[in-house]
Full PDB file with SEQRES, HELIX, SHEET, SSBOND, CRYST1, ORIGX, SCALE, CONECT and MASTER records, all heavy atoms in Angstrom:
SEQRES   1 A   31  GLN LEU LEU GLN ASP LEU ARG ILE GLU GLY PRO GLY PRO          
SEQRES   2 A   31  ALA ALA LEU LEU PRO ILE LEU LEU GLU ASP MET VAL ALA          
SEQRES   3 A   31  GLY PHE VAL ALA ALA                                          
HELIX    1 AA1 LEU A    2  ASP A    5  1                                   4    
HELIX    2 AA2 PRO A   11  ALA A   30  1                                  20    
CRYST1    1.000    1.000    1.000  90.00  90.00  90.00 P 1           1          
ORIGX1      1.000000  0.000000  0.000000        0.00000                         
ORIGX2      0.000000  1.000000  0.000000        0.00000                         
ORIGX3      0.000000  0.000000  1.000000        0.00000                         
SCALE1      1.000000  0.000000  0.000000        0.00000                         
SCALE2      0.000000  1.000000  0.000000        0.00000                         
SCALE3      0.000000  0.000000  1.000000        0.00000                         
ATOM      1  N   GLN A   1     135.392 141.608 110.082  1.00  0.00           N  
ATOM      2  CA  GLN A   1     136.694 142.214 109.874  1.00  0.00           C  
ATOM      3  C   GLN A   1     137.617 142.172 111.080  1.00  0.00           C  
ATOM      4  O   GLN A   1     138.818 142.422 110.939  1.00  0.00           O  
ATOM      5  CB  GLN A   1     136.520 143.689 109.452  1.00  0.00           C  
ATOM      6  CG  GLN A   1     135.872 143.845 108.093  1.00  0.00           C  
ATOM      7  CD  GLN A   1     135.774 145.308 107.675  1.00  0.00           C  
ATOM      8  OE1 GLN A   1     134.695 145.830 107.552  1.00  0.00           O  
ATOM      9  NE2 GLN A   1     136.911 145.943 107.492  1.00  0.00           N  
ATOM     10  N   LEU A   2     137.121 141.857 112.253  1.00  0.00           N  
ATOM     11  CA  LEU A   2     137.953 141.991 113.447  1.00  0.00           C  
ATOM     12  C   LEU A   2     139.167 141.072 113.380  1.00  0.00           C  
ATOM     13  O   LEU A   2     140.319 141.510 113.535  1.00  0.00           O  
ATOM     14  CB  LEU A   2     137.124 141.688 114.708  1.00  0.00           C  
ATOM     15  CG  LEU A   2     137.908 141.748 116.037  1.00  0.00           C  
ATOM     16  CD1 LEU A   2     138.447 143.155 116.290  1.00  0.00           C  
ATOM     17  CD2 LEU A   2     137.028 141.311 117.205  1.00  0.00           C  
ATOM     18  N   LEU A   3     138.961 139.785 113.188  1.00  0.00           N  
ATOM     19  CA  LEU A   3     140.086 138.843 113.192  1.00  0.00           C  
ATOM     20  C   LEU A   3     141.055 139.147 112.047  1.00  0.00           C  
ATOM     21  O   LEU A   3     142.286 139.095 112.218  1.00  0.00           O  
ATOM     22  CB  LEU A   3     139.552 137.419 113.068  1.00  0.00           C  
ATOM     23  CG  LEU A   3     138.687 136.931 114.249  1.00  0.00           C  
ATOM     24  CD1 LEU A   3     138.167 135.526 113.984  1.00  0.00           C  
ATOM     25  CD2 LEU A   3     139.482 136.970 115.546  1.00  0.00           C  
ATOM     26  N   GLN A   4     140.516 139.475 110.913  1.00  0.00           N  
ATOM     27  CA  GLN A   4     141.364 139.737 109.757  1.00  0.00           C  
ATOM     28  C   GLN A   4     142.203 140.991 109.944  1.00  0.00           C  
ATOM     29  O   GLN A   4     143.411 140.993 109.717  1.00  0.00           O  
ATOM     30  CB  GLN A   4     140.494 139.870 108.504  1.00  0.00           C  
ATOM     31  CG  GLN A   4     141.263 140.162 107.231  1.00  0.00           C  
ATOM     32  CD  GLN A   4     140.343 140.347 106.030  1.00  0.00           C  
ATOM     33  OE1 GLN A   4     139.186 139.976 106.076  1.00  0.00           O  
ATOM     34  NE2 GLN A   4     140.886 140.903 104.955  1.00  0.00           N  
ATOM     35  N   ASP A   5     141.552 142.088 110.375  1.00  0.00           N  
ATOM     36  CA  ASP A   5     142.283 143.353 110.484  1.00  0.00           C  
ATOM     37  C   ASP A   5     143.306 143.320 111.606  1.00  0.00           C  
ATOM     38  O   ASP A   5     144.368 143.968 111.526  1.00  0.00           O  
ATOM     39  CB  ASP A   5     141.316 144.508 110.720  1.00  0.00           C  
ATOM     40  CG  ASP A   5     140.484 144.825 109.476  1.00  0.00           C  
ATOM     41  OD1 ASP A   5     140.691 144.156 108.450  1.00  0.00           O  
ATOM     42  OD2 ASP A   5     139.610 145.735 109.544  1.00  0.00           O  
ATOM     43  N   LEU A   6     143.007 142.567 112.684  1.00  0.00           N  
ATOM     44  CA  LEU A   6     143.975 142.502 113.781  1.00  0.00           C  
ATOM     45  C   LEU A   6     144.962 141.347 113.604  1.00  0.00           C  
ATOM     46  O   LEU A   6     145.832 141.138 114.463  1.00  0.00           O  
ATOM     47  CB  LEU A   6     143.225 142.336 115.116  1.00  0.00           C  
ATOM     48  CG  LEU A   6     142.298 143.498 115.533  1.00  0.00           C  
ATOM     49  CD1 LEU A   6     141.730 143.268 116.927  1.00  0.00           C  
ATOM     50  CD2 LEU A   6     143.013 144.842 115.483  1.00  0.00           C  
ATOM     51  N   ARG A   7     144.784 140.615 112.502  1.00  0.00           N  
ATOM     52  CA  ARG A   7     145.683 139.503 112.159  1.00  0.00           C  
ATOM     53  C   ARG A   7     145.763 138.503 113.314  1.00  0.00           C  
ATOM     54  O   ARG A   7     146.825 138.122 113.784  1.00  0.00           O  
ATOM     55  CB  ARG A   7     147.079 140.014 111.778  1.00  0.00           C  
ATOM     56  CG  ARG A   7     147.041 140.868 110.499  1.00  0.00           C  
ATOM     57  CD  ARG A   7     148.444 141.199 110.043  1.00  0.00           C  
ATOM     58  NE  ARG A   7     149.094 142.112 110.948  1.00  0.00           N  
ATOM     59  CZ  ARG A   7     148.944 143.433 110.953  1.00  0.00           C  
ATOM     60  NH1 ARG A   7     148.141 143.983 110.066  1.00  0.00           N  
ATOM     61  NH2 ARG A   7     149.602 144.188 111.783  1.00  0.00           N  
ATOM     62  N   ILE A   8     144.573 138.167 113.834  1.00  0.00           N  
ATOM     63  CA  ILE A   8     144.480 137.149 114.887  1.00  0.00           C  
ATOM     64  C   ILE A   8     144.062 135.856 114.197  1.00  0.00           C  
ATOM     65  O   ILE A   8     142.985 135.791 113.580  1.00  0.00           O  
ATOM     66  CB  ILE A   8     143.462 137.538 115.963  1.00  0.00           C  
ATOM     67  CG1 ILE A   8     143.854 138.869 116.627  1.00  0.00           C  
ATOM     68  CG2 ILE A   8     143.301 136.450 116.997  1.00  0.00           C  
ATOM     69  CD1 ILE A   8     142.863 139.401 117.614  1.00  0.00           C  
ATOM     70  N   GLU A   9     144.907 134.873 114.333  1.00  0.00           N  
ATOM     71  CA  GLU A   9     144.688 133.634 113.594  1.00  0.00           C  
ATOM     72  C   GLU A   9     144.504 132.459 114.540  1.00  0.00           C  
ATOM     73  O   GLU A   9     144.808 132.538 115.719  1.00  0.00           O  
ATOM     74  CB  GLU A   9     145.868 133.369 112.666  1.00  0.00           C  
ATOM     75  CG  GLU A   9     146.116 134.490 111.648  1.00  0.00           C  
ATOM     76  CD  GLU A   9     147.370 134.250 110.828  1.00  0.00           C  
ATOM     77  OE1 GLU A   9     148.123 133.319 111.169  1.00  0.00           O  
ATOM     78  OE2 GLU A   9     147.586 135.004 109.860  1.00  0.00           O  
ATOM     79  N   GLY A  10     143.987 131.373 113.961  1.00  0.00           N  
ATOM     80  CA  GLY A  10     143.822 130.145 114.738  1.00  0.00           C  
ATOM     81  C   GLY A  10     142.380 129.805 114.945  1.00  0.00           C  
ATOM     82  O   GLY A  10     141.494 130.661 114.905  1.00  0.00           O  
ATOM     83  N   PRO A  11     142.145 128.508 115.205  1.00  0.00           N  
ATOM     84  CA  PRO A  11     140.757 128.072 115.413  1.00  0.00           C  
ATOM     85  C   PRO A  11     140.142 128.577 116.713  1.00  0.00           C  
ATOM     86  O   PRO A  11     138.926 128.739 116.816  1.00  0.00           O  
ATOM     87  CB  PRO A  11     140.870 126.558 115.393  1.00  0.00           C  
ATOM     88  CG  PRO A  11     142.271 126.280 115.803  1.00  0.00           C  
ATOM     89  CD  PRO A  11     143.123 127.379 115.259  1.00  0.00           C  
ATOM     90  N   GLY A  12     140.989 128.811 117.685  1.00  0.00           N  
ATOM     91  CA  GLY A  12     140.445 129.260 118.987  1.00  0.00           C  
ATOM     92  C   GLY A  12     139.750 130.608 118.882  1.00  0.00           C  
ATOM     93  O   GLY A  12     138.578 130.758 119.272  1.00  0.00           O  
ATOM     94  N   PRO A  13     140.453 131.634 118.391  1.00  0.00           N  
ATOM     95  CA  PRO A  13     139.786 132.931 118.264  1.00  0.00           C  
ATOM     96  C   PRO A  13     138.581 132.879 117.350  1.00  0.00           C  
ATOM     97  O   PRO A  13     137.558 133.551 117.621  1.00  0.00           O  
ATOM     98  CB  PRO A  13     140.874 133.818 117.684  1.00  0.00           C  
ATOM     99  CG  PRO A  13     142.151 133.202 118.158  1.00  0.00           C  
ATOM    100  CD  PRO A  13     141.918 131.726 118.125  1.00  0.00           C  
ATOM    101  N   ALA A  14     138.661 132.124 116.269  1.00  0.00           N  
ATOM    102  CA  ALA A  14     137.522 132.055 115.355  1.00  0.00           C  
ATOM    103  C   ALA A  14     136.305 131.444 116.036  1.00  0.00           C  
ATOM    104  O   ALA A  14     135.161 131.843 115.787  1.00  0.00           O  
ATOM    105  CB  ALA A  14     137.914 131.243 114.125  1.00  0.00           C  
ATOM    106  N   ALA A  15     136.535 130.471 116.894  1.00  0.00           N  
ATOM    107  CA  ALA A  15     135.415 129.850 117.614  1.00  0.00           C  
ATOM    108  C   ALA A  15     134.919 130.745 118.750  1.00  0.00           C  
ATOM    109  O   ALA A  15     133.734 130.708 119.117  1.00  0.00           O  
ATOM    110  CB  ALA A  15     135.855 128.496 118.149  1.00  0.00           C  
ATOM    111  N   LEU A  16     135.844 131.519 119.337  1.00  0.00           N  
ATOM    112  CA  LEU A  16     135.471 132.353 120.489  1.00  0.00           C  
ATOM    113  C   LEU A  16     134.704 133.607 120.075  1.00  0.00           C  
ATOM    114  O   LEU A  16     133.868 134.118 120.834  1.00  0.00           O  
ATOM    115  CB  LEU A  16     136.739 132.741 121.259  1.00  0.00           C  
ATOM    116  CG  LEU A  16     136.539 133.562 122.550  1.00  0.00           C  
ATOM    117  CD1 LEU A  16     135.634 132.820 123.529  1.00  0.00           C  
ATOM    118  CD2 LEU A  16     137.899 133.869 123.189  1.00  0.00           C  
ATOM    119  N   LEU A  17     135.010 134.112 118.863  1.00  0.00           N  
ATOM    120  CA  LEU A  17     134.387 135.382 118.461  1.00  0.00           C  
ATOM    121  C   LEU A  17     132.859 135.317 118.476  1.00  0.00           C  
ATOM    122  O   LEU A  17     132.210 136.227 119.022  1.00  0.00           O  
ATOM    123  CB  LEU A  17     134.895 135.789 117.073  1.00  0.00           C  
ATOM    124  CG  LEU A  17     134.300 137.112 116.529  1.00  0.00           C  
ATOM    125  CD1 LEU A  17     134.626 138.269 117.475  1.00  0.00           C  
ATOM    126  CD2 LEU A  17     134.845 137.409 115.128  1.00  0.00           C  
ATOM    127  N   PRO A  18     132.197 134.295 117.906  1.00  0.00           N  
ATOM    128  CA  PRO A  18     130.712 134.258 117.972  1.00  0.00           C  
ATOM    129  C   PRO A  18     130.190 134.247 119.391  1.00  0.00           C  
ATOM    130  O   PRO A  18     129.126 134.834 119.681  1.00  0.00           O  
ATOM    131  CB  PRO A  18     130.368 132.976 117.235  1.00  0.00           C  
ATOM    132  CG  PRO A  18     131.527 132.718 116.333  1.00  0.00           C  
ATOM    133  CD  PRO A  18     132.729 133.173 117.094  1.00  0.00           C  
ATOM    134  N   ILE A  19     130.943 133.567 120.284  1.00  0.00           N  
ATOM    135  CA  ILE A  19     130.490 133.535 121.690  1.00  0.00           C  
ATOM    136  C   ILE A  19     130.552 134.930 122.289  1.00  0.00           C  
ATOM    137  O   ILE A  19     129.625 135.370 123.005  1.00  0.00           O  
ATOM    138  CB  ILE A  19     131.358 132.539 122.490  1.00  0.00           C  
ATOM    139  CG1 ILE A  19     131.188 131.120 121.922  1.00  0.00           C  
ATOM    140  CG2 ILE A  19     130.994 132.584 123.966  1.00  0.00           C  
ATOM    141  CD1 ILE A  19     132.116 130.095 122.553  1.00  0.00           C  
ATOM    142  N   LEU A  20     131.664 135.636 121.990  1.00  0.00           N  
ATOM    143  CA  LEU A  20     131.789 136.998 122.528  1.00  0.00           C  
ATOM    144  C   LEU A  20     130.680 137.910 121.978  1.00  0.00           C  
ATOM    145  O   LEU A  20     130.129 138.746 122.710  1.00  0.00           O  
ATOM    146  CB  LEU A  20     133.154 137.571 122.160  1.00  0.00           C  
ATOM    147  CG  LEU A  20     134.360 136.954 122.873  1.00  0.00           C  
ATOM    148  CD1 LEU A  20     135.658 137.555 122.344  1.00  0.00           C  
ATOM    149  CD2 LEU A  20     134.263 137.185 124.378  1.00  0.00           C  
ATOM    150  N   LEU A  21     130.385 137.700 120.692  1.00  0.00           N  
ATOM    151  CA  LEU A  21     129.339 138.551 120.109  1.00  0.00           C  
ATOM    152  C   LEU A  21     127.967 138.240 120.705  1.00  0.00           C  
ATOM    153  O   LEU A  21     127.151 139.141 120.936  1.00  0.00           O  
ATOM    154  CB  LEU A  21     129.319 138.361 118.588  1.00  0.00           C  
ATOM    155  CG  LEU A  21     130.587 138.846 117.848  1.00  0.00           C  
ATOM    156  CD1 LEU A  21     130.459 138.617 116.343  1.00  0.00           C  
ATOM    157  CD2 LEU A  21     130.856 140.319 118.128  1.00  0.00           C  
ATOM    158  N   GLU A  22     127.685 136.952 120.966  1.00  0.00           N  
ATOM    159  CA  GLU A  22     126.421 136.610 121.634  1.00  0.00           C  
ATOM    160  C   GLU A  22     126.359 137.227 123.026  1.00  0.00           C  
ATOM    161  O   GLU A  22     125.315 137.723 123.468  1.00  0.00           O  
ATOM    162  CB  GLU A  22     126.268 135.103 121.716  1.00  0.00           C  
ATOM    163  CG  GLU A  22     125.957 134.420 120.393  1.00  0.00           C  
ATOM    164  CD  GLU A  22     125.760 132.928 120.559  1.00  0.00           C  
ATOM    165  OE1 GLU A  22     125.634 132.490 121.734  1.00  0.00           O  
ATOM    166  OE2 GLU A  22     125.703 132.219 119.546  1.00  0.00           O  
ATOM    167  N   ASP A  23     127.504 137.126 123.736  1.00  0.00           N  
ATOM    168  CA  ASP A  23     127.550 137.739 125.071  1.00  0.00           C  
ATOM    169  C   ASP A  23     127.336 139.253 124.985  1.00  0.00           C  
ATOM    170  O   ASP A  23     126.697 139.864 125.853  1.00  0.00           O  
ATOM    171  CB  ASP A  23     128.881 137.435 125.742  1.00  0.00           C  
ATOM    172  CG  ASP A  23     128.996 135.980 126.161  1.00  0.00           C  
ATOM    173  OD1 ASP A  23     127.944 135.294 126.165  1.00  0.00           O  
ATOM    174  OD2 ASP A  23     130.108 135.541 126.480  1.00  0.00           O  
ATOM    175  N   MET A  24     127.917 139.831 123.921  1.00  0.00           N  
ATOM    176  CA  MET A  24     127.757 141.275 123.774  1.00  0.00           C  
ATOM    177  C   MET A  24     126.271 141.640 123.588  1.00  0.00           C  
ATOM    178  O   MET A  24     125.773 142.598 124.182  1.00  0.00           O  
ATOM    179  CB  MET A  24     128.577 141.770 122.576  1.00  0.00           C  
ATOM    180  CG  MET A  24     128.535 143.297 122.406  1.00  0.00           C  
ATOM    181  SD  MET A  24     129.553 143.885 121.052  1.00  0.00           S  
ATOM    182  CE  MET A  24     128.535 143.383 119.663  1.00  0.00           C  
ATOM    183  N   VAL A  25     125.587 140.844 122.757  1.00  0.00           N  
ATOM    184  CA  VAL A  25     124.153 141.092 122.561  1.00  0.00           C  
ATOM    185  C   VAL A  25     123.405 140.909 123.874  1.00  0.00           C  
ATOM    186  O   VAL A  25     122.532 141.719 124.242  1.00  0.00           O  
ATOM    187  CB  VAL A  25     123.598 140.158 121.481  1.00  0.00           C  
ATOM    188  CG1 VAL A  25     122.073 140.277 121.410  1.00  0.00           C  
ATOM    189  CG2 VAL A  25     124.224 140.474 120.131  1.00  0.00           C  
ATOM    190  N   ALA A  26     123.752 139.833 124.604  1.00  0.00           N  
ATOM    191  CA  ALA A  26     123.079 139.591 125.883  1.00  0.00           C  
ATOM    192  C   ALA A  26     123.323 140.731 126.862  1.00  0.00           C  
ATOM    193  O   ALA A  26     122.413 141.192 127.581  1.00  0.00           O  
ATOM    194  CB  ALA A  26     123.527 138.268 126.470  1.00  0.00           C  
ATOM    195  N   GLY A  27     124.576 141.181 126.930  1.00  0.00           N  
ATOM    196  CA  GLY A  27     124.893 142.294 127.829  1.00  0.00           C  
ATOM    197  C   GLY A  27     124.184 143.573 127.415  1.00  0.00           C  
ATOM    198  O   GLY A  27     123.711 144.350 128.262  1.00  0.00           O  
ATOM    199  N   PHE A  28     124.138 143.779 126.081  1.00  0.00           N  
ATOM    200  CA  PHE A  28     123.448 144.964 125.559  1.00  0.00           C  
ATOM    201  C   PHE A  28     121.971 144.945 125.946  1.00  0.00           C  
ATOM    202  O   PHE A  28     121.430 145.928 126.463  1.00  0.00           O  
ATOM    203  CB  PHE A  28     123.610 144.989 124.030  1.00  0.00           C  
ATOM    204  CG  PHE A  28     122.937 146.156 123.365  1.00  0.00           C  
ATOM    205  CD1 PHE A  28     123.616 147.358 123.195  1.00  0.00           C  
ATOM    206  CD2 PHE A  28     121.628 146.066 122.896  1.00  0.00           C  
ATOM    207  CE1 PHE A  28     122.994 148.433 122.559  1.00  0.00           C  
ATOM    208  CE2 PHE A  28     121.007 147.131 122.287  1.00  0.00           C  
ATOM    209  CZ  PHE A  28     121.691 148.318 122.120  1.00  0.00           C  
ATOM    210  N   VAL A  29     121.331 143.788 125.714  1.00  0.00           N  
ATOM    211  CA  VAL A  29     119.909 143.669 126.027  1.00  0.00           C  
ATOM    212  C   VAL A  29     119.654 143.824 127.532  1.00  0.00           C  
ATOM    213  O   VAL A  29     118.715 144.510 127.964  1.00  0.00           O  
ATOM    214  CB  VAL A  29     119.352 142.336 125.523  1.00  0.00           C  
ATOM    215  CG1 VAL A  29     117.927 142.113 126.012  1.00  0.00           C  
ATOM    216  CG2 VAL A  29     119.412 142.280 123.999  1.00  0.00           C  
ATOM    217  N   ALA A  30     120.512 143.174 128.335  1.00  0.00           N  
ATOM    218  CA  ALA A  30     120.335 143.261 129.788  1.00  0.00           C  
ATOM    219  C   ALA A  30     120.501 144.696 130.284  1.00  0.00           C  
ATOM    220  O   ALA A  30     119.697 145.199 131.099  1.00  0.00           O  
ATOM    221  CB  ALA A  30     121.322 142.338 130.492  1.00  0.00           C  
ATOM    222  N   ALA A  31     121.551 145.363 129.778  1.00  0.00           N  
ATOM    223  CA  ALA A  31     121.787 146.747 130.209  1.00  0.00           C  
ATOM    224  C   ALA A  31     120.677 147.671 129.736  1.00  0.00           C  
ATOM    225  O   ALA A  31     120.237 148.575 130.461  1.00  0.00           O  
ATOM    226  CB  ALA A  31     123.142 147.231 129.686  1.00  0.00           C  
TER     227      ALA A  31                                                      
MASTER        0    0    0    2    0    0    0    6  226    1    0    3          
END                                                                             
């Protein structure tokens, strides 16, 4: 829902979101 609700469009954000989520998991696990 993030991209849709914030009305962020384009291939860049769509490709970047999974990377950010992976980083978030990595940061969560590390912390």
